[in-house]
Amino acid sequence: MMVRNGVLSSFLLPETLYAEDVRAMMPSTIERYGIEEWRAIVMTNEIHGHLGIYSTLGAKMGLYALSLLDGEGEPDIESYAGTCPPISCLNDGLQISTGATLGHGLITVLDVAEKRVEAKMTRGGQSLRIALKSEYQQQIRDDIRHGVEQYGHTAPYWTYVRGLAIKYWAEWDRNKIFVVK
């Protein structure tokens, strides 16, 4: 586990401070994935400005990659998610979950033709490439397509997308949804 030298001595806030839909999943999600993932995803989405699919996946990806890499401290990251939403939102989760921020100069967002949910991380002389498994990418595409068909880009669509982010957060185990290359 990475040592944090931040400002909070504890992160678990009273349940009443969370939005109702997040509060409903809080106990089971913390029990299943731990407080470190809870903290990373909550902080990511607060900084990100909304609860999003790719920002949540970025936090899960960063934590999983750190668990596989040797050494301590923040990794160097090369992100293949680009700089255009929605896939680029992955970068926010990667930064918060790993501490490898733009401000630290430890994350590079590559300008690749095909933006994807993938990153290369290096720490302790060891590197890995990690990507979302294709079946999960397809699930996102199918779910988003359904939302657009049903709601267009109206307010109910964005409520639907928030529901998807919560569902993926609660159901997708970071130890199972990624492939390491």
C-alpha atoms as a PDB file:
ATOM      1  CA  MET A   1       0.000   0.000   0.000  1.00  0.00           C
ATOM      2  CA  MET A   2       1.290   3.441  -0.911  1.00  0.00           C
ATOM      3  CA  VAL A   3       2.098   5.790   1.970  1.00  0.00           C
ATOM      4  CA  ARG A   4       0.068   8.977   1.693  1.00  0.00           C
ATOM      5  CA  ASN A   5       1.243  12.245   3.130  1.00  0.00           C
ATOM      6  CA  GLY A   6      -1.973  14.175   2.546  1.00  0.00           C
ATOM      7  CA  VAL A   7      -4.215  16.266   4.742  1.00  0.00           C
ATOM      8  CA  LEU A   8      -6.780  13.737   5.998  1.00  0.00           C
ATOM      9  CA  SER A   9      -6.078  11.414   8.912  1.00  0.00           C
ATOM     10  CA  SER A  10      -9.072   9.294   7.919  1.00  0.00           C
ATOM     11  CA  PHE A  11     -11.265   9.246   4.874  1.00  0.00           C
ATOM     12  CA  LEU A  12     -14.507   7.555   5.796  1.00  0.00           C
ATOM     13  CA  LEU A  13     -17.064  10.358   5.992  1.00  0.00           C
ATOM     14  CA  PRO A  14     -20.495   9.992   7.601  1.00  0.00           C
ATOM     15  CA  GLU A  15     -22.920   8.211   5.274  1.00  0.00           C
ATOM     16  CA  THR A  16     -25.269  11.201   5.349  1.00  0.00           C
ATOM     17  CA  LEU A  17     -22.725  13.268   3.387  1.00  0.00           C
ATOM     18  CA  TYR A  18     -22.938  10.980   0.363  1.00  0.00           C
ATOM     19  CA  ALA A  19     -25.572  11.219  -2.367  1.00  0.00           C
ATOM     20  CA  GLU A  20     -28.438   8.812  -1.767  1.00  0.00           C
ATOM     21  CA  ASP A  21     -27.547   6.472  -4.649  1.00  0.00           C
ATOM     22  CA  VAL A  22     -23.927   6.267  -3.496  1.00  0.00           C
ATOM     23  CA  ARG A  23     -24.902   5.883   0.150  1.00  0.00           C
ATOM     24  CA  ALA A  24     -27.032   2.853  -0.757  1.00  0.00           C
ATOM     25  CA  MET A  25     -24.024   0.963  -2.117  1.00  0.00           C
ATOM     26  CA  MET A  26     -21.479   2.174   0.429  1.00  0.00           C
ATOM     27  CA  PRO A  27     -21.384  -0.675   2.997  1.00  0.00           C
ATOM     28  CA  SER A  28     -21.327  -3.539   0.495  1.00  0.00           C
ATOM     29  CA  THR A  29     -18.855  -1.830  -1.830  1.00  0.00           C
ATOM     30  CA  ILE A  30     -16.392  -1.022   0.963  1.00  0.00           C
ATOM     31  CA  GLU A  31     -16.722  -4.570   2.275  1.00  0.00           C
ATOM     32  CA  ARG A  32     -16.113  -6.055  -1.177  1.00  0.00           C
ATOM     33  CA  TYR A  33     -13.331  -3.789  -2.500  1.00  0.00           C
ATOM     34  CA  GLY A  34     -11.888  -2.042   0.563  1.00  0.00           C
ATOM     35  CA  ILE A  35     -11.595   1.519   1.795  1.00  0.00           C
ATOM     36  CA  GLU A  36      -8.662   2.307  -0.523  1.00  0.00           C
ATOM     37  CA  GLU A  37     -10.795   1.788  -3.640  1.00  0.00           C
ATOM     38  CA  TRP A  38     -13.717   3.649  -2.034  1.00  0.00           C
ATOM     39  CA  ARG A  39     -11.470   6.613  -1.256  1.00  0.00           C
ATOM     40  CA  ALA A  40      -9.900   6.666  -4.723  1.00  0.00           C
ATOM     41  CA  ILE A  41     -13.230   6.546  -6.552  1.00  0.00           C
ATOM     42  CA  VAL A  42     -14.965   9.085  -4.308  1.00  0.00           C
ATOM     43  CA  MET A  43     -12.074  11.555  -4.580  1.00  0.00           C
ATOM     44  CA  THR A  44     -11.730  10.975  -8.324  1.00  0.00           C
ATOM     45  CA  ASN A  45     -15.363  11.685  -9.028  1.00  0.00           C
ATOM     46  CA  GLU A  46     -15.498  14.720  -6.721  1.00  0.00           C
ATOM     47  CA  ILE A  47     -12.530  16.242  -8.533  1.00  0.00           C
ATOM     48  CA  HIS A  48     -13.879  15.070 -11.895  1.00  0.00           C
ATOM     49  CA  GLY A  49     -17.156  16.916 -11.269  1.00  0.00           C
ATOM     50  CA  HIS A  50     -19.557  14.020 -11.725  1.00  0.00           C
ATOM     51  CA  LEU A  51     -19.716  10.283 -11.164  1.00  0.00           C
ATOM     52  CA  GLY A  52     -18.480   8.889 -14.457  1.00  0.00           C
ATOM     53  CA  ILE A  53     -17.783   5.515 -15.992  1.00  0.00           C
ATOM     54  CA  TYR A  54     -14.251   6.108 -17.255  1.00  0.00           C
ATOM     55  CA  SER A  55     -13.047   8.108 -14.251  1.00  0.00           C
ATOM     56  CA  THR A  56     -14.215   5.242 -12.024  1.00  0.00           C
ATOM     57  CA  LEU A  57     -12.460   2.699 -14.246  1.00  0.00           C
ATOM     58  CA  GLY A  58      -9.278   4.788 -14.102  1.00  0.00           C
ATOM     59  CA  ALA A  59      -9.260   4.589 -10.311  1.00  0.00           C
ATOM     60  CA  LYS A  60      -9.822   0.831 -10.399  1.00  0.00           C
ATOM     61  CA  MET A  61      -7.108   0.430 -13.051  1.00  0.00           C
ATOM     62  CA  GLY A  62      -4.569   2.460 -11.107  1.00  0.00           C
ATOM     63  CA  LEU A  63      -5.106   0.513  -7.892  1.00  0.00           C
ATOM     64  CA  TYR A  64      -4.905  -2.837  -9.666  1.00  0.00           C
ATOM     65  CA  ALA A  65      -1.713  -1.893 -11.512  1.00  0.00           C
ATOM     66  CA  LEU A  66      -0.065  -0.695  -8.287  1.00  0.00           C
ATOM     67  CA  SER A  67      -0.828  -4.052  -6.681  1.00  0.00           C
ATOM     68  CA  LEU A  68       1.176  -5.761  -9.445  1.00  0.00           C
ATOM     69  CA  LEU A  69       4.202  -3.451  -9.550  1.00  0.00           C
ATOM     70  CA  ASP A  70       7.290  -3.702  -7.367  1.00  0.00           C
ATOM     71  CA  GLY A  71       8.570  -0.780  -5.347  1.00  0.00           C
ATOM     72  CA  GLU A  72       6.993   2.075  -3.444  1.00  0.00           C
ATOM     73  CA  GLY A  73       5.703   5.488  -4.403  1.00  0.00           C
ATOM     74  CA  GLU A  74       4.023   6.787  -7.493  1.00  0.00           C
ATOM     75  CA  PRO A  75       4.563   5.136 -10.862  1.00  0.00           C
ATOM     76  CA  ASP A  76       5.309   6.800 -14.172  1.00  0.00           C
ATOM     77  CA  ILE A  77       2.230   6.475 -16.376  1.00  0.00           C
ATOM     78  CA  GLU A  78       1.664   6.681 -20.113  1.00  0.00           C
ATOM     79  CA  SER A  79      -2.062   6.844 -20.843  1.00  0.00           C
ATOM     80  CA  TYR A  80      -3.590   5.841 -24.163  1.00  0.00           C
ATOM     81  CA  ALA A  81      -6.932   7.468 -23.286  1.00  0.00           C
ATOM     82  CA  GLY A  82      -6.210  10.749 -25.055  1.00  0.00           C
ATOM     83  CA  THR A  83      -7.517  14.163 -24.047  1.00  0.00           C
ATOM     84  CA  CYS A  84     -11.106  14.063 -25.348  1.00  0.00           C
ATOM     85  CA  PRO A  85     -13.992  12.813 -23.199  1.00  0.00           C
ATOM     86  CA  PRO A  86     -15.380  10.397 -22.427  1.00  0.00           C
ATOM     87  CA  ILE A  87     -12.427   7.975 -22.610  1.00  0.00           C
ATOM     88  CA  SER A  88      -9.948  10.643 -21.452  1.00  0.00           C
ATOM     89  CA  CYS A  89     -11.804  10.737 -18.122  1.00  0.00           C
ATOM     90  CA  LEU A  90      -9.789   7.593 -17.334  1.00  0.00           C
ATOM     91  CA  ASN A  91      -6.824   9.911 -16.727  1.00  0.00           C
ATOM     92  CA  ASP A  92      -8.460  11.511 -13.676  1.00  0.00           C
ATOM     93  CA  GLY A  93      -8.911   8.129 -12.011  1.00  0.00           C
ATOM     94  CA  LEU A  94      -5.356   7.089 -12.835  1.00  0.00           C
ATOM     95  CA  GLN A  95      -3.959  10.242 -11.232  1.00  0.00           C
ATOM     96  CA  ILE A  96      -5.993  10.073  -8.026  1.00  0.00           C
ATOM     97  CA  SER A  97      -5.557   6.332  -7.432  1.00  0.00           C
ATOM     98  CA  THR A  98      -1.793   6.319  -8.009  1.00  0.00           C
ATOM     99  CA  GLY A  99      -0.631   9.802  -7.025  1.00  0.00           C
ATOM    100  CA  ALA A 100       1.031  10.060 -10.444  1.00  0.00           C
ATOM    101  CA  THR A 101      -0.374  13.474 -11.274  1.00  0.00           C
ATOM    102  CA  LEU A 102       0.265  15.981 -14.021  1.00  0.00           C
ATOM    103  CA  GLY A 103       1.597  18.288 -11.314  1.00  0.00           C
ATOM    104  CA  HIS A 104       4.180  15.689 -10.311  1.00  0.00           C
ATOM    105  CA  GLY A 105       5.103  15.229 -13.968  1.00  0.00           C
ATOM    106  CA  LEU A 106       4.478  11.499 -13.673  1.00  0.00           C
ATOM    107  CA  ILE A 107       1.666  11.015 -16.190  1.00  0.00           C
ATOM    108  CA  THR A 108       1.912  11.497 -19.930  1.00  0.00           C
ATOM    109  CA  VAL A 109      -1.214  11.409 -22.050  1.00  0.00           C
ATOM    110  CA  LEU A 110      -0.187  10.051 -25.420  1.00  0.00           C
ATOM    111  CA  ASP A 111      -1.654  11.452 -28.625  1.00  0.00           C
ATOM    112  CA  VAL A 112      -2.625   8.168 -30.243  1.00  0.00           C
ATOM    113  CA  ALA A 113      -5.041   7.723 -33.136  1.00  0.00           C
ATOM    114  CA  GLU A 114      -7.110   5.102 -31.313  1.00  0.00           C
ATOM    115  CA  LYS A 115      -8.054   6.292 -27.816  1.00  0.00           C
ATOM    116  CA  ARG A 116      -8.464   3.352 -25.460  1.00  0.00           C
ATOM    117  CA  VAL A 117      -8.864   2.308 -21.835  1.00  0.00           C
ATOM    118  CA  GLU A 118      -5.211   1.385 -21.479  1.00  0.00           C
ATOM    119  CA  ALA A 119      -2.075   2.615 -19.756  1.00  0.00           C
ATOM    120  CA  LYS A 120       1.571   1.693 -19.322  1.00  0.00           C
ATOM    121  CA  MET A 121       2.901   1.997 -15.770  1.00  0.00           C
ATOM    122  CA  THR A 122       6.468   1.787 -14.531  1.00  0.00           C
ATOM    123  CA  ARG A 123       7.633   1.583 -10.929  1.00  0.00           C
ATOM    124  CA  GLY A 124      10.640  -0.001  -9.256  1.00  0.00           C
ATOM    125  CA  GLY A 125      12.212  -0.828 -12.612  1.00  0.00           C
ATOM    126  CA  GLN A 126       9.177  -2.885 -13.630  1.00  0.00           C
ATOM    127  CA  SER A 127       6.682  -1.957 -16.363  1.00  0.00           C
ATOM    128  CA  LEU A 128       3.300  -3.276 -17.377  1.00  0.00           C
ATOM    129  CA  ARG A 129       0.550  -2.387 -19.807  1.00  0.00           C
ATOM    130  CA  ILE A 130      -2.959  -2.718 -18.517  1.00  0.00           C
ATOM    131  CA  ALA A 131      -6.220  -2.471 -20.439  1.00  0.00           C
ATOM    132  CA  LEU A 132      -9.907  -3.020 -19.864  1.00  0.00           C
ATOM    133  CA  LYS A 133     -10.921  -6.468 -21.130  1.00  0.00           C
ATOM    134  CA  SER A 134     -12.831  -6.387 -24.413  1.00  0.00           C
ATOM    135  CA  GLU A 135     -16.031  -7.845 -22.967  1.00  0.00           C
ATOM    136  CA  TYR A 136     -16.283  -4.949 -20.497  1.00  0.00           C
ATOM    137  CA  GLN A 137     -15.601  -2.418 -23.251  1.00  0.00           C
ATOM    138  CA  GLN A 138     -18.392  -4.006 -25.274  1.00  0.00           C
ATOM    139  CA  GLN A 139     -20.745  -3.871 -22.277  1.00  0.00           C
ATOM    140  CA  ILE A 140     -20.108  -0.127 -21.950  1.00  0.00           C
ATOM    141  CA  ARG A 141     -20.730   0.430 -25.673  1.00  0.00           C
ATOM    142  CA  ASP A 142     -23.956  -1.588 -25.566  1.00  0.00           C
ATOM    143  CA  ASP A 143     -25.215   0.149 -22.423  1.00  0.00           C
ATOM    144  CA  ILE A 144     -24.397   3.621 -23.771  1.00  0.00           C
ATOM    145  CA  ARG A 145     -26.012   2.833 -27.130  1.00  0.00           C
ATOM    146  CA  HIS A 146     -29.161   1.754 -25.296  1.00  0.00           C
ATOM    147  CA  GLY A 147     -29.153   4.986 -23.275  1.00  0.00           C
ATOM    148  CA  VAL A 148     -28.785   7.165 -26.365  1.00  0.00           C
ATOM    149  CA  GLU A 149     -31.543   5.265 -28.175  1.00  0.00           C
ATOM    150  CA  GLN A 150     -33.888   5.538 -25.207  1.00  0.00           C
ATOM    151  CA  TYR A 151     -33.151   9.085 -23.974  1.00  0.00           C
ATOM    152  CA  GLY A 152     -31.114  10.948 -26.584  1.00  0.00           C
ATOM    153  CA  HIS A 153     -28.739  13.360 -24.870  1.00  0.00           C
ATOM    154  CA  THR A 154     -31.359  14.652 -22.439  1.00  0.00           C
ATOM    155  CA  ALA A 155     -31.182  14.965 -18.646  1.00  0.00           C
ATOM    156  CA  PRO A 156     -32.557  11.415 -18.165  1.00  0.00           C
ATOM    157  CA  TYR A 157     -29.654  10.099 -20.278  1.00  0.00           C
ATOM    158  CA  TRP A 158     -27.116  11.578 -17.856  1.00  0.00           C
ATOM    159  CA  THR A 159     -29.023  10.068 -14.925  1.00  0.00           C
ATOM    160  CA  TYR A 160     -28.842   6.739 -16.757  1.00  0.00           C
ATOM    161  CA  VAL A 161     -25.064   7.110 -17.272  1.00  0.00           C
ATOM    162  CA  ARG A 162     -24.613   7.889 -13.566  1.00  0.00           C
ATOM    163  CA  GLY A 163     -26.530   4.700 -12.804  1.00  0.00           C
ATOM    164  CA  LEU A 164     -24.177   2.761 -15.075  1.00  0.00           C
ATOM    165  CA  ALA A 165     -21.135   4.226 -13.303  1.00  0.00           C
ATOM    166  CA  ILE A 166     -22.567   3.169  -9.947  1.00  0.00           C
ATOM    167  CA  LYS A 167     -23.396  -0.297 -11.286  1.00  0.00           C
ATOM    168  CA  TYR A 168     -19.897  -0.814 -12.722  1.00  0.00           C
ATOM    169  CA  TRP A 169     -18.313   0.510  -9.517  1.00  0.00           C
ATOM    170  CA  ALA A 170     -20.316  -1.920  -7.388  1.00  0.00           C
ATOM    171  CA  GLU A 171     -20.158  -4.964  -9.661  1.00  0.00           C
ATOM    172  CA  TRP A 172     -16.859  -4.869 -11.537  1.00  0.00           C
ATOM    173  CA  ASP A 173     -13.952  -6.263  -9.518  1.00  0.00           C
ATOM    174  CA  ARG A 174     -10.683  -4.510 -10.376  1.00  0.00           C
ATOM    175  CA  ASN A 175      -8.867  -7.853 -10.062  1.00  0.00           C
ATOM    176  CA  LYS A 176     -10.964  -9.356 -12.877  1.00  0.00           C
ATOM    177  CA  ILE A 177     -11.804  -6.633 -15.415  1.00  0.00           C
ATOM    178  CA  PHE A 178      -8.328  -5.803 -16.714  1.00  0.00           C
ATOM    179  CA  VAL A 179      -5.833  -7.644 -18.862  1.00  0.00           C
ATOM    180  CA  VAL A 180      -2.123  -7.122 -18.259  1.00  0.00           C
ATOM    181  CA  LYS A 181       0.029  -7.130 -21.379  1.00  0.00           C
END
